[in-house]
PDB file of N, CA and C in Angstrom:
ATOM      1  N   MET A   1    -161.284-128.602 -34.251  1.00  0.00           N
ATOM      2  CA  MET A   1    -160.103-128.795 -35.061  1.00  0.00           C
ATOM      3  C   MET A   1    -159.098-129.605 -34.234  1.00  0.00           C
ATOM      4  N   LYS A   2    -158.351-130.441 -34.916  1.00  0.00           N
ATOM      5  CA  LYS A   2    -157.376-131.309 -34.235  1.00  0.00           C
ATOM      6  C   LYS A   2    -156.259-130.478 -33.620  1.00  0.00           C
ATOM      7  N   THR A   3    -155.735-130.978 -32.503  1.00  0.00           N
ATOM      8  CA  THR A   3    -154.664-130.257 -31.821  1.00  0.00           C
ATOM      9  C   THR A   3    -153.392-130.229 -32.658  1.00  0.00           C
ATOM     10  N   SER A   4    -153.150-131.270 -33.450  1.00  0.00           N
ATOM     11  CA  SER A   4    -151.956-131.271 -34.296  1.00  0.00           C
ATOM     12  C   SER A   4    -152.053-130.182 -35.358  1.00  0.00           C
ATOM     13  N   LEU A   5    -153.242-129.974 -35.872  1.00  0.00           N
ATOM     14  CA  LEU A   5    -153.448-128.923 -36.869  1.00  0.00           C
ATOM     15  C   LEU A   5    -153.304-127.545 -36.224  1.00  0.00           C
ATOM     16  N   LEU A   6    -153.825-127.403 -35.015  1.00  0.00           N
ATOM     17  CA  LEU A   6    -153.690-126.133 -34.308  1.00  0.00           C
ATOM     18  C   LEU A   6    -152.231-125.812 -34.000  1.00  0.00           C
ATOM     19  N   SER A   7    -151.464-126.833 -33.596  1.00  0.00           N
ATOM     20  CA  SER A   7    -150.049-126.586 -33.304  1.00  0.00           C
ATOM     21  C   SER A   7    -149.296-126.229 -34.576  1.00  0.00           C
ATOM     22  N   LYS A   8    -149.652-126.853 -35.696  1.00  0.00           N
ATOM     23  CA  LYS A   8    -149.033-126.522 -36.985  1.00  0.00           C
ATOM     24  C   LYS A   8    -149.337-125.070 -37.357  1.00  0.00           C
ATOM     25  N   LEU A   9    -150.582-124.651 -37.152  1.00  0.00           N
ATOM     26  CA  LEU A   9    -150.962-123.275 -37.467  1.00  0.00           C
ATOM     27  C   LEU A   9    -150.266-122.276 -36.548  1.00  0.00           C
ATOM     28  N   ASP A  10    -150.091-122.647 -35.284  1.00  0.00           N
ATOM     29  CA  ASP A  10    -149.346-121.774 -34.366  1.00  0.00           C
ATOM     30  C   ASP A  10    -147.888-121.640 -34.819  1.00  0.00           C
ATOM     31  N   GLN A  11    -147.297-122.746 -35.261  1.00  0.00           N
ATOM     32  CA  GLN A  11    -145.919-122.715 -35.758  1.00  0.00           C
ATOM     33  C   GLN A  11    -145.820-121.825 -36.996  1.00  0.00           C
ATOM     34  N   LEU A  12    -146.797-121.921 -37.887  1.00  0.00           N
ATOM     35  CA  LEU A  12    -146.785-121.091 -39.091  1.00  0.00           C
ATOM     36  C   LEU A  12    -146.924-119.613 -38.735  1.00  0.00           C
ATOM     37  N   SER A  13    -147.728-119.306 -37.729  1.00  0.00           N
ATOM     38  CA  SER A  13    -147.871-117.919 -37.283  1.00  0.00           C
ATOM     39  C   SER A  13    -146.547-117.383 -36.749  1.00  0.00           C
ATOM     40  N   GLU A  14    -145.875-118.201 -35.946  1.00  0.00           N
ATOM     41  CA  GLU A  14    -144.573-117.792 -35.413  1.00  0.00           C
ATOM     42  C   GLU A  14    -143.556-117.620 -36.531  1.00  0.00           C
ATOM     43  N   ARG A  15    -143.589-118.523 -37.507  1.00  0.00           N
ATOM     44  CA  ARG A  15    -142.638-118.435 -38.625  1.00  0.00           C
ATOM     45  C   ARG A  15    -142.896-117.178 -39.452  1.00  0.00           C
ATOM     46  N   LEU A  16    -144.157-116.802 -39.627  1.00  0.00           N
ATOM     47  CA  LEU A  16    -144.464-115.587 -40.378  1.00  0.00           C
ATOM     48  C   LEU A  16    -143.883-114.367 -39.672  1.00  0.00           C
ATOM     49  N   GLU A  17    -144.006-114.326 -38.350  1.00  0.00           N
ATOM     50  CA  GLU A  17    -143.414-113.220 -37.593  1.00  0.00           C
ATOM     51  C   GLU A  17    -141.895-113.217 -37.753  1.00  0.00           C
ATOM     52  N   GLU A  18    -141.293-114.413 -37.700  1.00  0.00           N
ATOM     53  CA  GLU A  18    -139.843-114.522 -37.837  1.00  0.00           C
ATOM     54  C   GLU A  18    -139.388-114.055 -39.219  1.00  0.00           C
ATOM     55  N   VAL A  19    -140.102-114.474 -40.262  1.00  0.00           N
ATOM     56  CA  VAL A  19    -139.750-114.072 -41.621  1.00  0.00           C
ATOM     57  C   VAL A  19    -139.910-112.562 -41.776  1.00  0.00           C
ATOM     58  N   GLY A  20    -140.976-112.016 -41.199  1.00  0.00           N
ATOM     59  CA  GLY A  20    -141.166-110.566 -41.249  1.00  0.00           C
ATOM     60  C   GLY A  20    -140.037-109.819 -40.574  1.00  0.00           C
ATOM     61  N   THR A  21    -139.570-110.334 -39.458  1.00  0.00           N
ATOM     62  CA  THR A  21    -138.444-109.723 -38.749  1.00  0.00           C
ATOM     63  C   THR A  21    -137.170-109.801 -39.588  1.00  0.00           C
ATOM     64  N   LEU A  22    -136.935-110.961 -40.193  1.00  0.00           N
ATOM     65  CA  LEU A  22    -135.742-111.115 -41.035  1.00  0.00           C
ATOM     66  C   LEU A  22    -135.780-110.181 -42.238  1.00  0.00           C
ATOM     67  N   MET A  23    -136.960-110.003 -42.809  1.00  0.00           N
ATOM     68  CA  MET A  23    -137.078-109.131 -43.980  1.00  0.00           C
ATOM     69  C   MET A  23    -136.890-107.661 -43.627  1.00  0.00           C
ATOM     70  N   ASN A  24    -137.169-107.294 -42.372  1.00  0.00           N
ATOM     71  CA  ASN A  24    -137.055-105.899 -41.959  1.00  0.00           C
ATOM     72  C   ASN A  24    -135.658-105.510 -41.491  1.00  0.00           C
ATOM     73  N   GLN A  25    -134.763-106.463 -41.426  1.00  0.00           N
ATOM     74  CA  GLN A  25    -133.397-106.141 -41.012  1.00  0.00           C
ATOM     75  C   GLN A  25    -132.689-105.354 -42.118  1.00  0.00           C
ATOM     76  N   GLU A  26    -131.750-104.541 -41.720  1.00  0.00           N
ATOM     77  CA  GLU A  26    -131.006-103.726 -42.678  1.00  0.00           C
ATOM     78  C   GLU A  26    -130.229-104.574 -43.673  1.00  0.00           C
ATOM     79  N   SER A  27    -129.719-105.701 -43.229  1.00  0.00           N
ATOM     80  CA  SER A  27    -128.885-106.531 -44.082  1.00  0.00           C
ATOM     81  C   SER A  27    -129.699-107.540 -44.898  1.00  0.00           C
ATOM     82  N   ALA A  28    -131.018-107.407 -44.921  1.00  0.00           N
ATOM     83  CA  ALA A  28    -131.871-108.395 -45.585  1.00  0.00           C
ATOM     84  C   ALA A  28    -131.606-108.461 -47.087  1.00  0.00           C
ATOM     85  N   THR A  29    -131.329-107.335 -47.696  1.00  0.00           N
ATOM     86  CA  THR A  29    -131.141-107.321 -49.151  1.00  0.00           C
ATOM     87  C   THR A  29    -129.687-107.543 -49.561  1.00  0.00           C
ATOM     88  N   ALA A  30    -128.821-107.822 -48.617  1.00  0.00           N
ATOM     89  CA  ALA A  30    -127.427-108.078 -48.961  1.00  0.00           C
ATOM     90  C   ALA A  30    -127.305-109.337 -49.811  1.00  0.00           C
ATOM     91  N   ASP A  31    -128.059-110.351 -49.495  1.00  0.00           N
ATOM     92  CA  ASP A  31    -128.094-111.590 -50.276  1.00  0.00           C
ATOM     93  C   ASP A  31    -129.463-111.665 -50.937  1.00  0.00           C
ATOM     94  N   MET A  32    -129.520-111.317 -52.219  1.00  0.00           N
ATOM     95  CA  MET A  32    -130.804-111.227 -52.927  1.00  0.00           C
ATOM     96  C   MET A  32    -131.490-112.585 -53.071  1.00  0.00           C
ATOM     97  N   ASN A  33    -130.727-113.653 -53.202  1.00  0.00           N
ATOM     98  CA  ASN A  33    -131.347-114.980 -53.285  1.00  0.00           C
ATOM     99  C   ASN A  33    -132.078-115.318 -51.988  1.00  0.00           C
ATOM    100  N   GLN A  34    -131.433-115.047 -50.873  1.00  0.00           N
ATOM    101  CA  GLN A  34    -132.056-115.288 -49.577  1.00  0.00           C
ATOM    102  C   GLN A  34    -133.272-114.382 -49.393  1.00  0.00           C
ATOM    103  N   TYR A  35    -133.174-113.148 -49.836  1.00  0.00           N
ATOM    104  CA  TYR A  35    -134.295-112.214 -49.715  1.00  0.00           C
ATOM    105  C   TYR A  35    -135.489-112.687 -50.554  1.00  0.00           C
ATOM    106  N   ARG A  36    -135.218-113.189 -51.753  1.00  0.00           N
ATOM    107  CA  ARG A  36    -136.293-113.724 -52.602  1.00  0.00           C
ATOM    108  C   ARG A  36    -136.974-114.910 -51.937  1.00  0.00           C
ATOM    109  N   LYS A  37    -136.174-115.773 -51.312  1.00  0.00           N
ATOM    110  CA  LYS A  37    -136.758-116.927 -50.605  1.00  0.00           C
ATOM    111  C   LYS A  37    -137.645-116.466 -49.452  1.00  0.00           C
ATOM    112  N   LEU A  38    -137.180-115.449 -48.726  1.00  0.00           N
ATOM    113  CA  LEU A  38    -137.968-114.937 -47.612  1.00  0.00           C
ATOM    114  C   LEU A  38    -139.271-114.306 -48.086  1.00  0.00           C
ATOM    115  N   THR A  39    -139.208-113.528 -49.152  1.00  0.00           N
ATOM    116  CA  THR A  39    -140.435-112.895 -49.645  1.00  0.00           C
ATOM    117  C   THR A  39    -141.415-113.939 -50.183  1.00  0.00           C
ATOM    118  N   ARG A  40    -140.903-114.964 -50.820  1.00  0.00           N
ATOM    119  CA  ARG A  40    -141.761-116.040 -51.324  1.00  0.00           C
ATOM    120  C   ARG A  40    -142.419-116.778 -50.151  1.00  0.00           C
ATOM    121  N   GLU A  41    -141.625-117.073 -49.122  1.00  0.00           N
ATOM    122  CA  GLU A  41    -142.169-117.758 -47.947  1.00  0.00           C
ATOM    123  C   GLU A  41    -143.211-116.883 -47.245  1.00  0.00           C
ATOM    124  N   HIS A  42    -142.936-115.599 -47.167  1.00  0.00           N
ATOM    125  CA  HIS A  42    -143.884-114.667 -46.546  1.00  0.00           C
ATOM    126  C   HIS A  42    -145.197-114.650 -47.326  1.00  0.00           C
ATOM    127  N   ALA A  43    -145.095-114.634 -48.639  1.00  0.00           N
ATOM    128  CA  ALA A  43    -146.289-114.621 -49.480  1.00  0.00           C
ATOM    129  C   ALA A  43    -147.098-115.914 -49.345  1.00  0.00           C
ATOM    130  N   GLU A  44    -146.433-117.026 -49.103  1.00  0.00           N
ATOM    131  CA  GLU A  44    -147.134-118.297 -48.935  1.00  0.00           C
ATOM    132  C   GLU A  44    -147.773-118.411 -47.547  1.00  0.00           C
ATOM    133  N   LEU A  45    -147.122-117.880 -46.538  1.00  0.00           N
ATOM    134  CA  LEU A  45    -147.613-118.010 -45.166  1.00  0.00           C
ATOM    135  C   LEU A  45    -148.725-117.022 -44.828  1.00  0.00           C
ATOM    136  N   GLU A  46    -148.666-115.848 -45.414  1.00  0.00           N
ATOM    137  CA  GLU A  46    -149.593-114.783 -45.035  1.00  0.00           C
ATOM    138  C   GLU A  46    -151.071-115.154 -45.185  1.00  0.00           C
ATOM    139  N   PRO A  47    -151.502-115.760 -46.295  1.00  0.00           N
ATOM    140  CA  PRO A  47    -152.932-116.108 -46.392  1.00  0.00           C
ATOM    141  C   PRO A  47    -153.362-117.169 -45.378  1.00  0.00           C
ATOM    142  N   VAL A  48    -152.505-118.125 -45.109  1.00  0.00           N
ATOM    143  CA  VAL A  48    -152.839-119.188 -44.151  1.00  0.00           C
ATOM    144  C   VAL A  48    -152.972-118.600 -42.748  1.00  0.00           C
ATOM    145  N   VAL A  49    -152.019-117.783 -42.364  1.00  0.00           N
ATOM    146  CA  VAL A  49    -152.042-117.181 -41.033  1.00  0.00           C
ATOM    147  C   VAL A  49    -153.226-116.218 -40.914  1.00  0.00           C
ATOM    148  N   GLY A  50    -153.578-115.543 -41.992  1.00  0.00           N
ATOM    149  CA  GLY A  50    -154.744-114.662 -41.980  1.00  0.00           C
ATOM    150  C   GLY A  50    -156.034-115.428 -41.736  1.00  0.00           C
ATOM    151  N   LEU A  51    -156.184-116.568 -42.391  1.00  0.00           N
ATOM    152  CA  LEU A  51    -157.365-117.410 -42.168  1.00  0.00           C
ATOM    153  C   LEU A  51    -157.395-117.936 -40.736  1.00  0.00           C
ATOM    154  N   TYR A  52    -156.225-118.299 -40.238  1.00  0.00           N
ATOM    155  CA  TYR A  52    -156.142-118.800 -38.868  1.00  0.00           C
ATOM    156  C   TYR A  52    -156.557-117.705 -37.881  1.00  0.00           C
ATOM    157  N   ALA A  53    -156.164-116.470 -38.139  1.00  0.00           N
ATOM    158  CA  ALA A  53    -156.564-115.357 -37.278  1.00  0.00           C
ATOM    159  C   ALA A  53    -158.084-115.165 -37.324  1.00  0.00           C
ATOM    160  N   GLN A  54    -158.677-115.313 -38.498  1.00  0.00           N
ATOM    161  CA  GLN A  54    -160.135-115.211 -38.607  1.00  0.00           C
ATOM    162  C   GLN A  54    -160.810-116.340 -37.832  1.00  0.00           C
ATOM    163  N   TRP A  55    -160.235-117.531 -37.879  1.00  0.00           N
ATOM    164  CA  TRP A  55    -160.778-118.678 -37.148  1.00  0.00           C
ATOM    165  C   TRP A  55    -160.732-118.411 -35.643  1.00  0.00           C
ATOM    166  N   ARG A  56    -159.593-117.884 -35.170  1.00  0.00           N
ATOM    167  CA  ARG A  56    -159.474-117.567 -33.740  1.00  0.00           C
ATOM    168  C   ARG A  56    -160.471-116.484 -33.334  1.00  0.00           C
ATOM    169  N   ASP A  57    -160.675-115.491 -34.217  1.00  0.00           N
ATOM    170  CA  ASP A  57    -161.652-114.438 -33.937  1.00  0.00           C
ATOM    171  C   ASP A  57    -163.061-115.015 -33.826  1.00  0.00           C
ATOM    172  N   ALA A  58    -163.396-115.958 -34.690  1.00  0.00           N
ATOM    173  CA  ALA A  58    -164.717-116.594 -34.633  1.00  0.00           C
ATOM    174  C   ALA A  58    -164.876-117.377 -33.335  1.00  0.00           C
ATOM    175  N   GLN A  59    -163.807-118.042 -32.894  1.00  0.00           N
ATOM    176  CA  GLN A  59    -163.853-118.754 -31.613  1.00  0.00           C
ATOM    177  C   GLN A  59    -164.102-117.776 -30.468  1.00  0.00           C
ATOM    178  N   LEU A  60    -163.434-116.634 -30.522  1.00  0.00           N
ATOM    179  CA  LEU A  60    -163.601-115.606 -29.491  1.00  0.00           C
ATOM    180  C   LEU A  60    -165.016-115.031 -29.533  1.00  0.00           C
ATOM    181  N   ASP A  61    -165.571-114.872 -30.729  1.00  0.00           N
ATOM    182  CA  ASP A  61    -166.939-114.381 -30.863  1.00  0.00           C
ATOM    183  C   ASP A  61    -167.923-115.330 -30.186  1.00  0.00           C
ATOM    184  N   ILE A  62    -167.695-116.620 -30.316  1.00  0.00           N
ATOM    185  CA  ILE A  62    -168.573-117.601 -29.675  1.00  0.00           C
ATOM    186  C   ILE A  62    -168.488-117.473 -28.151  1.00  0.00           C
ATOM    187  N   LYS A  63    -167.275-117.350 -27.630  1.00  0.00           N
ATOM    188  CA  LYS A  63    -167.127-117.215 -26.181  1.00  0.00           C
ATOM    189  C   LYS A  63    -167.813-115.947 -25.672  1.00  0.00           C
ATOM    190  N   THR A  64    -167.646-114.865 -26.405  1.00  0.00           N
ATOM    191  CA  THR A  64    -168.275-113.606 -26.012  1.00  0.00           C
ATOM    192  C   THR A  64    -169.791-113.716 -26.054  1.00  0.00           C
ATOM    193  N   ALA A  65    -170.302-114.337 -27.097  1.00  0.00           N
ATOM    194  CA  ALA A  65    -171.749-114.499 -27.223  1.00  0.00           C
ATOM    195  C   ALA A  65    -172.296-115.410 -26.127  1.00  0.00           C
ATOM    196  N   GLN A  66    -171.536-116.420 -25.741  1.00  0.00           N
ATOM    197  CA  GLN A  66    -171.983-117.292 -24.655  1.00  0.00           C
ATOM    198  C   GLN A  66    -172.069-116.535 -23.340  1.00  0.00           C
ATOM    199  N   GLU A  67    -171.167-115.591 -23.151  1.00  0.00           N
ATOM    200  CA  GLU A  67    -171.233-114.759 -21.951  1.00  0.00           C
ATOM    201  C   GLU A  67    -172.456-113.845 -22.004  1.00  0.00           C
ATOM    202  N   MET A  68    -172.807-113.393 -23.201  1.00  0.00           N
ATOM    203  CA  MET A  68    -173.974-112.524 -23.371  1.00  0.00           C
ATOM    204  C   MET A  68    -175.276-113.288 -23.132  1.00  0.00           C
ATOM    205  N   MET A  69    -175.255-114.603 -23.247  1.00  0.00           N
ATOM    206  CA  MET A  69    -176.454-115.418 -23.045  1.00  0.00           C
ATOM    207  C   MET A  69    -176.971-115.299 -21.610  1.00  0.00           C
ATOM    208  N   GLN A  70    -176.140-114.861 -20.684  1.00  0.00           N
ATOM    209  CA  GLN A  70    -176.563-114.706 -19.287  1.00  0.00           C
ATOM    210  C   GLN A  70    -177.597-113.596 -19.143  1.00  0.00           C
ATOM    211  N   ASP A  71    -177.544-112.616 -20.038  1.00  0.00           N
ATOM    212  CA  ASP A  71    -178.496-111.503 -20.005  1.00  0.00           C
ATOM    213  C   ASP A  71    -179.740-111.889 -20.808  1.00  0.00           C
ATOM    214  N   PRO A  72    -180.895-111.977 -20.169  1.00  0.00           N
ATOM    215  CA  PRO A  72    -182.110-112.414 -20.879  1.00  0.00           C
ATOM    216  C   PRO A  72    -182.479-111.527 -22.064  1.00  0.00           C
ATOM    217  N   SER A  73    -182.192-110.242 -21.989  1.00  0.00           N
ATOM    218  CA  SER A  73    -182.564-109.347 -23.083  1.00  0.00           C
ATOM    219  C   SER A  73    -181.655-109.526 -24.301  1.00  0.00           C
ATOM    220  N   MET A  74    -180.487-110.125 -24.104  1.00  0.00           N
ATOM    221  CA  MET A  74    -179.526-110.305 -25.198  1.00  0.00           C
ATOM    222  C   MET A  74    -179.483-111.746 -25.702  1.00  0.00           C
ATOM    223  N   LYS A  75    -180.324-112.603 -25.153  1.00  0.00           N
ATOM    224  CA  LYS A  75    -180.248-114.026 -25.448  1.00  0.00           C
ATOM    225  C   LYS A  75    -180.445-114.324 -26.940  1.00  0.00           C
ATOM    226  N   ALA A  76    -181.430-113.720 -27.581  1.00  0.00           N
ATOM    227  CA  ALA A  76    -181.705-113.972 -29.004  1.00  0.00           C
ATOM    228  C   ALA A  76    -180.551-113.483 -29.868  1.00  0.00           C
ATOM    229  N   PHE A  77    -180.057-112.290 -29.557  1.00  0.00           N
ATOM    230  CA  PHE A  77    -178.928-111.747 -30.320  1.00  0.00           C
ATOM    231  C   PHE A  77    -177.693-112.620 -30.159  1.00  0.00           C
ATOM    232  N   ALA A  78    -177.453-113.066 -28.934  1.00  0.00           N
ATOM    233  CA  ALA A  78    -176.279-113.899 -28.669  1.00  0.00           C
ATOM    234  C   ALA A  78    -176.376-115.216 -29.427  1.00  0.00           C
ATOM    235  N   GLN A  79    -177.567-115.796 -29.486  1.00  0.00           N
ATOM    236  CA  GLN A  79    -177.733-117.054 -30.212  1.00  0.00           C
ATOM    237  C   GLN A  79    -177.463-116.869 -31.700  1.00  0.00           C
ATOM    238  N   GLU A  80    -177.895-115.752 -32.257  1.00  0.00           N
ATOM    239  CA  GLU A  80    -177.615-115.457 -33.672  1.00  0.00           C
ATOM    240  C   GLU A  80    -176.115-115.333 -33.913  1.00  0.00           C
ATOM    241  N   GLU A  81    -175.431-114.679 -32.981  1.00  0.00           N
ATOM    242  CA  GLU A  81    -173.978-114.529 -33.096  1.00  0.00           C
ATOM    243  C   GLU A  81    -173.273-115.877 -33.022  1.00  0.00           C
ATOM    244  N   ILE A  82    -173.734-116.726 -32.139  1.00  0.00           N
ATOM    245  CA  ILE A  82    -173.134-118.056 -32.006  1.00  0.00           C
ATOM    246  C   ILE A  82    -173.328-118.850 -33.289  1.00  0.00           C
ATOM    247  N   ASP A  83    -174.535-118.826 -33.825  1.00  0.00           N
ATOM    248  CA  ASP A  83    -174.824-119.565 -35.061  1.00  0.00           C
ATOM    249  C   ASP A  83    -173.970-119.056 -36.226  1.00  0.00           C
ATOM    250  N   ALA A  84    -173.872-117.731 -36.349  1.00  0.00           N
ATOM    251  CA  ALA A  84    -173.083-117.148 -37.443  1.00  0.00           C
ATOM    252  C   ALA A  84    -171.602-117.507 -37.287  1.00  0.00           C
ATOM    253  N   ALA A  85    -171.090-117.448 -36.067  1.00  0.00           N
ATOM    254  CA  ALA A  85    -169.675-117.760 -35.829  1.00  0.00           C
ATOM    255  C   ALA A  85    -169.397-119.233 -36.099  1.00  0.00           C
ATOM    256  N   GLN A  86    -170.327-120.107 -35.737  1.00  0.00           N
ATOM    257  CA  GLN A  86    -170.128-121.534 -35.999  1.00  0.00           C
ATOM    258  C   GLN A  86    -170.108-121.823 -37.490  1.00  0.00           C
ATOM    259  N   GLU A  87    -170.938-121.134 -38.256  1.00  0.00           N
ATOM    260  CA  GLU A  87    -170.915-121.299 -39.712  1.00  0.00           C
ATOM    261  C   GLU A  87    -169.580-120.819 -40.285  1.00  0.00           C
ATOM    262  N   ARG A  88    -169.096-119.680 -39.780  1.00  0.00           N
ATOM    263  CA  ARG A  88    -167.797-119.171 -40.241  1.00  0.00           C
ATOM    264  C   ARG A  88    -166.682-120.138 -39.898  1.00  0.00           C
ATOM    265  N   ILE A  89    -166.737-120.730 -38.720  1.00  0.00           N
ATOM    266  CA  ILE A  89    -165.701-121.664 -38.289  1.00  0.00           C
ATOM    267  C   ILE A  89    -165.644-122.870 -39.215  1.00  0.00           C
ATOM    268  N   VAL A  90    -166.790-123.409 -39.565  1.00  0.00           N
ATOM    269  CA  VAL A  90    -166.829-124.574 -40.460  1.00  0.00           C
ATOM    270  C   VAL A  90    -166.205-124.214 -41.804  1.00  0.00           C
ATOM    271  N   SER A  91    -166.577-123.071 -42.340  1.00  0.00           N
ATOM    272  CA  SER A  91    -166.041-122.634 -43.631  1.00  0.00           C
ATOM    273  C   SER A  91    -164.532-122.392 -43.551  1.00  0.00           C
ATOM    274  N   LEU A  92    -164.104-121.723 -42.489  1.00  0.00           N
ATOM    275  CA  LEU A  92    -162.679-121.426 -42.329  1.00  0.00           C
ATOM    276  C   LEU A  92    -161.858-122.690 -42.133  1.00  0.00           C
ATOM    277  N   GLU A  93    -162.395-123.663 -41.424  1.00  0.00           N
ATOM    278  CA  GLU A  93    -161.656-124.910 -41.221  1.00  0.00           C
ATOM    279  C   GLU A  93    -161.444-125.631 -42.549  1.00  0.00           C
ATOM    280  N   LEU A  94    -162.460-125.642 -43.397  1.00  0.00           N
ATOM    281  CA  LEU A  94    -162.294-126.260 -44.720  1.00  0.00           C
ATOM    282  C   LEU A  94    -161.240-125.533 -45.538  1.00  0.00           C
ATOM    283  N   ASP A  95    -161.291-124.210 -45.518  1.00  0.00           N
ATOM    284  CA  ASP A  95    -160.302-123.427 -46.262  1.00  0.00           C
ATOM    285  C   ASP A  95    -158.895-123.658 -45.731  1.00  0.00           C
ATOM    286  N   LEU A  96    -158.753-123.727 -44.419  1.00  0.00           N
ATOM    287  CA  LEU A  96    -157.435-123.968 -43.825  1.00  0.00           C
ATOM    288  C   LEU A  96    -156.904-125.339 -44.197  1.00  0.00           C
ATOM    289  N   GLN A  97    -157.763-126.344 -44.184  1.00  0.00           N
ATOM    290  CA  GLN A  97    -157.322-127.682 -44.559  1.00  0.00           C
ATOM    291  C   GLN A  97    -156.860-127.715 -46.007  1.00  0.00           C
ATOM    292  N   LYS A  98    -157.540-127.010 -46.876  1.00  0.00           N
ATOM    293  CA  LYS A  98    -157.131-126.961 -48.290  1.00  0.00           C
ATOM    294  C   LYS A  98    -155.786-126.257 -48.435  1.00  0.00           C
ATOM    295  N   MET A  99    -155.611-125.171 -47.691  1.00  0.00           N
ATOM    296  CA  MET A  99    -154.366-124.407 -47.810  1.00  0.00           C
ATOM    297  C   MET A  99    -153.170-125.143 -47.228  1.00  0.00           C
ATOM    298  N   LEU A 100    -153.424-126.070 -46.315  1.00  0.00           N
ATOM    299  CA  LEU A 100    -152.322-126.808 -45.685  1.00  0.00           C
ATOM    300  C   LEU A 100    -151.952-128.078 -46.439  1.00  0.00           C
ATOM    301  N   LEU A 101    -152.642-128.347 -47.525  1.00  0.00           N
ATOM    302  CA  LEU A 101    -152.261-129.502 -48.336  1.00  0.00           C
ATOM    303  C   LEU A 101    -150.860-129.292 -48.888  1.00  0.00           C
ATOM    304  N   PRO A 102    -150.080-130.355 -48.987  1.00  0.00           N
ATOM    305  CA  PRO A 102    -148.710-130.206 -49.505  1.00  0.00           C
ATOM    306  C   PRO A 102    -148.714-129.669 -50.933  1.00  0.00           C
ATOM    307  N   LYS A 103    -147.771-128.808 -51.202  1.00  0.00           N
ATOM    308  CA  LYS A 103    -147.633-128.221 -52.534  1.00  0.00           C
ATOM    309  C   LYS A 103    -146.847-129.168 -53.434  1.00  0.00           C
ATOM    310  N   ASP A 104    -147.173-129.137 -54.691  1.00  0.00           N
ATOM    311  CA  ASP A 104    -146.435-129.913 -55.684  1.00  0.00           C
ATOM    312  C   ASP A 104    -145.123-129.173 -55.960  1.00  0.00           C
ATOM    313  N   PRO A 105    -143.992-129.844 -55.859  1.00  0.00           N
ATOM    314  CA  PRO A 105    -142.713-129.158 -56.092  1.00  0.00           C
ATOM    315  C   PRO A 105    -142.563-128.644 -57.520  1.00  0.00           C
ATOM    316  N   ASN A 106    -143.349-129.168 -58.430  1.00  0.00           N
ATOM    317  CA  ASN A 106    -143.255-128.725 -59.823  1.00  0.00           C
ATOM    318  C   ASN A 106    -144.192-127.573 -60.139  1.00  0.00           C
ATOM    319  N   ASP A 107    -144.908-127.059 -59.163  1.00  0.00           N
ATOM    320  CA  ASP A 107    -145.851-125.972 -59.402  1.00  0.00           C
ATOM    321  C   ASP A 107    -145.175-124.704 -59.919  1.00  0.00           C
ATOM    322  N   GLU A 108    -143.975-124.438 -59.477  1.00  0.00           N
ATOM    323  CA  GLU A 108    -143.294-123.209 -59.859  1.00  0.00           C
ATOM    324  C   GLU A 108    -142.613-123.305 -61.221  1.00  0.00           C
ATOM    325  N   ARG A 109    -142.531-124.480 -61.761  1.00  0.00           N
ATOM    326  CA  ARG A 109    -141.848-124.653 -63.034  1.00  0.00           C
ATOM    327  C   ARG A 109    -142.810-124.386 -64.196  1.00  0.00           C
ATOM    328  N   ASN A 110    -142.250-123.960 -65.280  1.00  0.00           N
ATOM    329  CA  ASN A 110    -143.035-123.751 -66.478  1.00  0.00           C
ATOM    330  C   ASN A 110    -143.241-125.106 -67.172  1.00  0.00           C
ATOM    331  N   ILE A 111    -144.393-125.221 -67.801  1.00  0.00           N
ATOM    332  CA  ILE A 111    -144.690-126.476 -68.500  1.00  0.00           C
ATOM    333  C   ILE A 111    -145.271-126.121 -69.869  1.00  0.00           C
ATOM    334  N   PHE A 112    -144.908-126.887 -70.840  1.00  0.00           N
ATOM    335  CA  PHE A 112    -145.444-126.692 -72.178  1.00  0.00           C
ATOM    336  C   PHE A 112    -146.157-127.954 -72.597  1.00  0.00           C
ATOM    337  N   LEU A 113    -147.412-127.822 -72.939  1.00  0.00           N
ATOM    338  CA  LEU A 113    -148.182-128.960 -73.429  1.00  0.00           C
ATOM    339  C   LEU A 113    -148.297-128.858 -74.937  1.00  0.00           C
ATOM    340  N   GLU A 114    -148.113-129.951 -75.602  1.00  0.00           N
ATOM    341  CA  GLU A 114    -148.236-129.951 -77.041  1.00  0.00           C
ATOM    342  C   GLU A 114    -149.345-130.863 -77.478  1.00  0.00           C
TER     343      GLU A 114
END
């Protein structure tokens, strides 16, 4: 995955933590418009950050399996783990790229077709 995409995902992870902190403050509901914006942003960020966490876990699984390759009795199992993690990574990268596409500003508006 490109480093620019990874840095964007890291920024989104940090922003999700920040939004969660803001929502947990006592004064969060004092301004309901601001609270609605925060909850909407949290709802948009959470699935992306969740996929990114799964991607990082798959990367870690590969590293762990590569370490297991040193043991001859675990070599076949480790290779299966590496193959499975690489397949997950490919799938997760596609999903992440789709989720990071810019949103249409008119998506939230109601539309009537006649």
